[in-house]
Amino acid sequence: MSNVHLAKGSHQPAFPDDGKLRLYSMKFCPYAQRAHLVLDAKNIPYHVAYINLTEKPEWLQKVSALTKVPALEIPGHGESLIESLIIADYLDEKYPQHPLHSKDPLQKARDRILVERFDSFITPFYRIVFQRNQSGSPGAITELTNALDLYEKELRERKTKFFGGQRPGMLDYMIWPWCERSDSMKFILGDKYELDKVRFSELLKWKDEMQKDKAVKENYISPEDHFKYASLRLAGTPDYDFLAVVPPKKLRLS
């Protein structure tokens, strides 16, 4: 399947009838990245179709009730799953290999709370990225760094490499997409945004370890490219396909 984003006027992709899951995604969407991370961490085979969210294809509502991504189509069933956390939970229960949630119900609930509370990082992050004017988003840098104190404290108390233990778990993967994107802020703020190496020593080590993870590496986009996408979107000219690999033209034999 092509990694070009499908837009208005496109045909609905014809996937092979091989029983594999079908993920409707967008290359730069952090919520869609959550689904990719879980699928790849659990080695679940799947097909993917990328969607242009500015010029949405007319057929999208057939596979995504709210015309949003991610949407997970399950062959043999008449409906697709939407919402990243719902998709992640379904995959972890349906495919028990490499479980990502804790088996302890209380710990699982605690981790879910930490996923929900990560909005306190995401909200100021978006204010910085999409306003590009510190006077227009007063206190955003302070809010963002203060939000990370909770996660630094958690790692110190758990005394593990990842929130999930010795390998990434659901909490790790659910907050990672914005941690990956956070490095793009250096192109906006310069040296005004740099995590204190003492205050956030465990989180910085965690971030380094996450970048070594197979699923993370398979879905990783550089800070430069995240910045480029956000800048184009901010300018009102989003380009979903500047990372797309265009198949080489076939040579004509004379």
Protein backbone atom coordinates (compact mmCIF):
# COMPACT_ATOMS: atom_id res chain seq x y z
CA MET A 1 0.00 0.00 0.00
CA SER A 2 1.30 3.47 -0.91
CA ASN A 3 2.38 5.85 1.84
CA VAL A 4 0.80 8.77 -0.04
CA HIS A 5 -2.18 10.26 1.80
CA LEU A 6 -5.52 9.61 0.09
CA ALA A 7 -7.70 12.68 -0.52
CA LYS A 8 -10.97 13.74 -2.16
CA GLY A 9 -11.61 11.97 -5.41
CA SER A 10 -9.53 8.95 -4.44
CA HIS A 11 -10.82 5.41 -4.54
CA GLN A 12 -11.22 3.45 -1.32
CA PRO A 13 -8.19 1.16 -1.07
CA ALA A 14 -8.72 -2.47 -2.06
CA PHE A 15 -6.86 -4.45 0.57
CA PRO A 16 -5.90 -8.08 0.02
CA ASP A 17 -8.40 -10.56 1.44
CA ASP A 18 -5.82 -11.99 3.82
CA GLY A 19 -7.46 -11.41 7.20
CA LYS A 20 -4.98 -8.71 8.27
CA LEU A 21 -6.15 -5.68 10.22
CA ARG A 22 -6.50 -2.43 8.29
CA LEU A 23 -5.39 0.81 9.88
CA TYR A 24 -6.45 4.21 8.55
CA SER A 25 -3.81 6.65 9.68
CA MET A 26 -2.01 9.94 9.06
CA LYS A 27 1.76 10.12 9.07
CA PHE A 28 2.06 13.07 11.46
CA CYS A 29 -0.89 12.34 13.77
CA PRO A 30 0.27 11.45 17.31
CA TYR A 31 -2.99 9.64 18.05
CA ALA A 32 -2.58 7.46 14.97
CA GLN A 33 1.03 6.85 15.97
CA ARG A 34 -0.25 5.29 19.19
CA ALA A 35 -2.00 2.59 17.14
CA HIS A 36 1.10 1.96 15.03
CA LEU A 37 3.24 1.61 18.15
CA VAL A 38 0.95 -0.98 19.70
CA LEU A 39 0.59 -2.96 16.48
CA ASP A 40 4.34 -2.99 15.89
CA ALA A 41 5.25 -3.67 19.54
CA LYS A 42 3.00 -6.73 19.50
CA ASN A 43 4.15 -7.82 16.01
CA ILE A 44 0.59 -7.79 14.66
CA PRO A 45 0.50 -7.85 10.85
CA TYR A 46 -1.62 -5.08 9.32
CA HIS A 47 -2.24 -2.98 6.26
CA VAL A 48 -2.26 0.82 6.42
CA ALA A 49 -3.89 3.56 4.37
CA TYR A 50 -2.90 7.17 5.02
CA ILE A 51 -5.58 9.87 4.95
CA ASN A 52 -5.35 13.52 3.96
CA LEU A 53 -7.24 15.14 6.85
CA THR A 54 -7.62 18.49 5.07
CA GLU A 55 -9.17 17.06 1.91
CA LYS A 56 -10.80 13.93 3.33
CA PRO A 57 -11.86 11.27 0.83
CA GLU A 58 -15.62 10.93 0.36
CA TRP A 59 -15.56 7.25 1.37
CA LEU A 60 -13.83 7.85 4.73
CA GLN A 61 -17.06 7.82 6.74
CA LYS A 62 -17.61 4.22 5.66
CA VAL A 63 -14.57 3.15 7.68
CA SER A 64 -14.44 5.89 10.32
CA ALA A 65 -17.77 7.05 11.73
CA LEU A 66 -16.34 10.43 12.80
CA THR A 67 -14.04 10.71 9.74
CA LYS A 68 -11.01 10.80 11.98
CA VAL A 69 -7.87 8.72 12.44
CA PRO A 70 -6.87 6.31 13.71
CA ALA A 71 -9.59 3.94 12.58
CA LEU A 72 -9.05 0.19 12.74
CA GLU A 73 -11.00 -1.98 10.33
CA ILE A 74 -11.37 -5.61 11.36
CA PRO A 75 -11.95 -7.95 8.43
CA GLY A 76 -15.17 -9.94 8.80
CA HIS A 77 -16.83 -7.31 10.97
CA GLY A 78 -19.11 -4.56 9.78
CA GLU A 79 -17.62 -1.72 11.77
CA SER A 80 -14.31 -0.08 12.55
CA LEU A 81 -12.89 0.94 15.90
CA ILE A 82 -12.01 4.59 16.47
CA GLU A 83 -10.21 6.53 19.24
CA SER A 84 -6.59 5.67 19.94
CA LEU A 85 -7.01 4.44 23.53
CA ILE A 86 -9.93 2.18 22.60
CA ILE A 87 -7.94 0.71 19.73
CA ALA A 88 -4.91 0.18 21.97
CA ASP A 89 -6.97 -1.59 24.64
CA TYR A 90 -8.67 -3.80 22.05
CA LEU A 91 -5.35 -4.85 20.52
CA ASP A 92 -3.81 -5.64 23.90
CA GLU A 93 -6.75 -7.86 24.87
CA LYS A 94 -7.27 -9.50 21.48
CA TYR A 95 -3.58 -10.26 20.91
CA PRO A 96 -2.13 -11.45 24.24
CA GLN A 97 1.45 -11.78 23.00
CA HIS A 98 3.76 -9.17 24.51
CA PRO A 99 1.12 -7.74 26.88
CA LEU A 100 1.40 -3.99 27.36
CA HIS A 101 -1.05 -3.40 30.20
CA SER A 102 -0.16 -4.45 33.74
CA LYS A 103 -1.91 -7.63 34.89
CA ASP A 104 -2.64 -5.88 38.18
CA PRO A 105 -6.00 -4.08 37.74
CA LEU A 106 -5.00 -1.34 40.18
CA GLN A 107 -1.71 -0.66 38.41
CA LYS A 108 -3.48 -0.68 35.07
CA ALA A 109 -5.91 1.94 36.41
CA ARG A 110 -3.06 4.05 37.77
CA ASP A 111 -1.32 3.94 34.40
CA ARG A 112 -4.50 4.97 32.63
CA ILE A 113 -4.77 7.98 34.96
CA LEU A 114 -1.23 8.96 33.98
CA VAL A 115 -2.17 8.68 30.31
CA GLU A 116 -5.15 10.98 30.87
CA ARG A 117 -3.12 13.44 32.93
CA PHE A 118 -0.57 13.78 30.13
CA ASP A 119 -2.98 16.29 28.61
CA SER A 120 -1.34 18.76 31.00
CA PHE A 121 1.76 18.43 28.79
CA ILE A 122 -0.01 18.14 25.44
CA THR A 123 -2.09 21.34 25.83
CA PRO A 124 0.81 23.77 26.42
CA PHE A 125 2.90 21.90 23.84
CA TYR A 126 0.33 22.68 21.15
CA ARG A 127 0.12 26.30 22.28
CA ILE A 128 3.85 26.63 21.72
CA VAL A 129 3.92 24.79 18.40
CA PHE A 130 0.88 26.33 16.78
CA GLN A 131 0.97 29.84 18.19
CA ARG A 132 4.71 30.50 17.78
CA ASN A 133 4.34 33.57 19.92
CA GLN A 134 5.27 33.37 23.56
CA SER A 135 3.22 36.46 24.38
CA GLY A 136 0.22 34.65 22.94
CA SER A 137 0.74 31.62 25.14
CA PRO A 138 1.94 33.00 28.49
CA GLY A 139 3.33 30.43 30.87
CA ALA A 140 3.22 27.57 28.36
CA ILE A 141 6.86 26.58 28.88
CA THR A 142 6.42 26.56 32.65
CA GLU A 143 3.16 24.57 32.39
CA LEU A 144 4.80 22.05 30.11
CA THR A 145 7.85 21.45 32.30
CA ASN A 146 5.79 21.36 35.50
CA ALA A 147 3.58 18.69 33.93
CA LEU A 148 6.62 16.44 33.54
CA ASP A 149 7.42 16.46 37.26
CA LEU A 150 4.74 13.84 37.86
CA TYR A 151 6.30 11.45 35.32
CA GLU A 152 9.82 12.02 36.62
CA LYS A 153 8.55 11.17 40.11
CA GLU A 154 6.85 8.02 38.80
CA LEU A 155 10.00 6.72 37.15
CA ARG A 156 12.07 7.38 40.26
CA GLU A 157 9.57 5.53 42.44
CA ARG A 158 9.23 2.59 40.05
CA LYS A 159 13.02 2.29 39.67
CA THR A 160 12.60 0.71 36.24
CA LYS A 161 13.93 1.58 32.80
CA PHE A 162 10.43 2.14 31.45
CA PHE A 163 7.06 2.87 33.02
CA GLY A 164 6.13 -0.67 31.97
CA GLY A 165 9.18 -2.24 33.63
CA GLN A 166 12.17 -3.53 31.72
CA ARG A 167 10.43 -2.98 28.38
CA PRO A 168 7.93 -0.36 27.26
CA GLY A 169 4.31 -0.85 28.30
CA MET A 170 1.06 0.84 27.40
CA LEU A 171 1.80 4.04 29.33
CA ASP A 172 5.17 4.39 27.60
CA TYR A 173 3.68 4.06 24.13
CA MET A 174 0.64 6.25 24.82
CA ILE A 175 2.70 9.30 25.86
CA TRP A 176 5.64 8.75 23.51
CA PRO A 177 4.26 10.50 20.37
CA TRP A 178 4.33 13.92 22.09
CA CYS A 179 7.70 13.24 23.71
CA GLU A 180 9.06 12.51 20.23
CA ARG A 181 7.58 15.78 18.95
CA SER A 182 8.88 17.80 21.90
CA ASP A 183 12.34 18.00 20.33
CA SER A 184 10.85 20.08 17.51
CA MET A 185 10.39 22.92 20.00
CA LYS A 186 14.09 23.70 19.82
CA PHE A 187 13.45 25.16 16.36
CA ILE A 188 10.84 27.48 17.87
CA LEU A 189 12.31 28.37 21.25
CA GLY A 190 16.04 27.86 20.71
CA ASP A 191 17.81 27.33 24.02
CA LYS A 192 14.79 28.59 25.98
CA TYR A 193 13.46 25.04 26.05
CA GLU A 194 15.84 22.46 27.42
CA LEU A 195 14.94 20.02 30.15
CA ASP A 196 16.98 20.38 33.31
CA LYS A 197 19.32 17.37 33.39
CA VAL A 198 19.05 17.05 37.17
CA ARG A 199 15.34 17.76 37.58
CA PHE A 200 14.44 15.34 34.78
CA SER A 201 17.33 12.88 34.90
CA GLU A 202 15.13 9.75 34.78
CA LEU A 203 12.88 11.05 32.02
CA LEU A 204 15.87 11.94 29.87
CA LYS A 205 17.28 8.43 30.30
CA TRP A 206 13.82 7.01 29.53
CA LYS A 207 13.66 9.05 26.35
CA ASP A 208 17.02 7.72 25.20
CA GLU A 209 15.93 4.13 25.90
CA MET A 210 12.61 4.61 24.10
CA GLN A 211 14.44 5.68 20.94
CA LYS A 212 16.16 2.27 20.91
CA ASP A 213 12.83 0.40 20.94
CA LYS A 214 11.93 -1.43 17.74
CA ALA A 215 8.37 -0.11 17.48
CA VAL A 216 9.48 3.45 18.19
CA LYS A 217 12.25 3.27 15.57
CA GLU A 218 9.82 1.93 12.96
CA ASN A 219 7.55 4.94 13.40
CA TYR A 220 10.06 7.65 14.25
CA ILE A 221 10.01 11.03 12.51
CA SER A 222 12.84 13.50 13.06
CA PRO A 223 12.37 16.78 14.98
CA GLU A 224 13.18 18.66 11.77
CA ASP A 225 10.36 16.94 9.89
CA HIS A 226 7.88 17.38 12.73
CA PHE A 227 8.75 21.09 12.74
CA LYS A 228 8.36 21.30 8.96
CA TYR A 229 4.93 19.67 9.03
CA ALA A 230 3.74 21.90 11.90
CA SER A 231 5.04 25.01 10.13
CA LEU A 232 3.23 24.14 6.90
CA ARG A 233 0.04 23.40 8.81
CA LEU A 234 0.34 26.69 10.69
CA ALA A 235 0.72 28.50 7.37
CA GLY A 236 -2.47 26.88 6.11
CA THR A 237 -0.65 24.74 3.54
CA PRO A 238 -0.25 21.32 5.18
CA ASP A 239 1.82 18.89 3.15
CA TYR A 240 1.15 15.33 4.27
CA ASP A 241 3.36 13.75 1.64
CA PHE A 242 6.77 15.41 1.82
CA LEU A 243 8.11 12.22 3.39
CA ALA A 244 6.33 9.93 0.94
CA VAL A 245 8.50 7.55 -1.01
CA VAL A 246 7.59 7.90 -4.65
CA PRO A 247 8.21 4.71 -6.67
CA PRO A 248 10.92 5.23 -9.30
CA LYS A 249 9.75 5.55 -12.89
CA LYS A 250 10.26 2.48 -15.03
CA LEU A 251 12.93 2.85 -17.66
CA ARG A 252 11.74 2.71 -21.22
CA LEU A 253 13.73 0.27 -23.31
CA SER A 254 14.41 1.45 -26.82
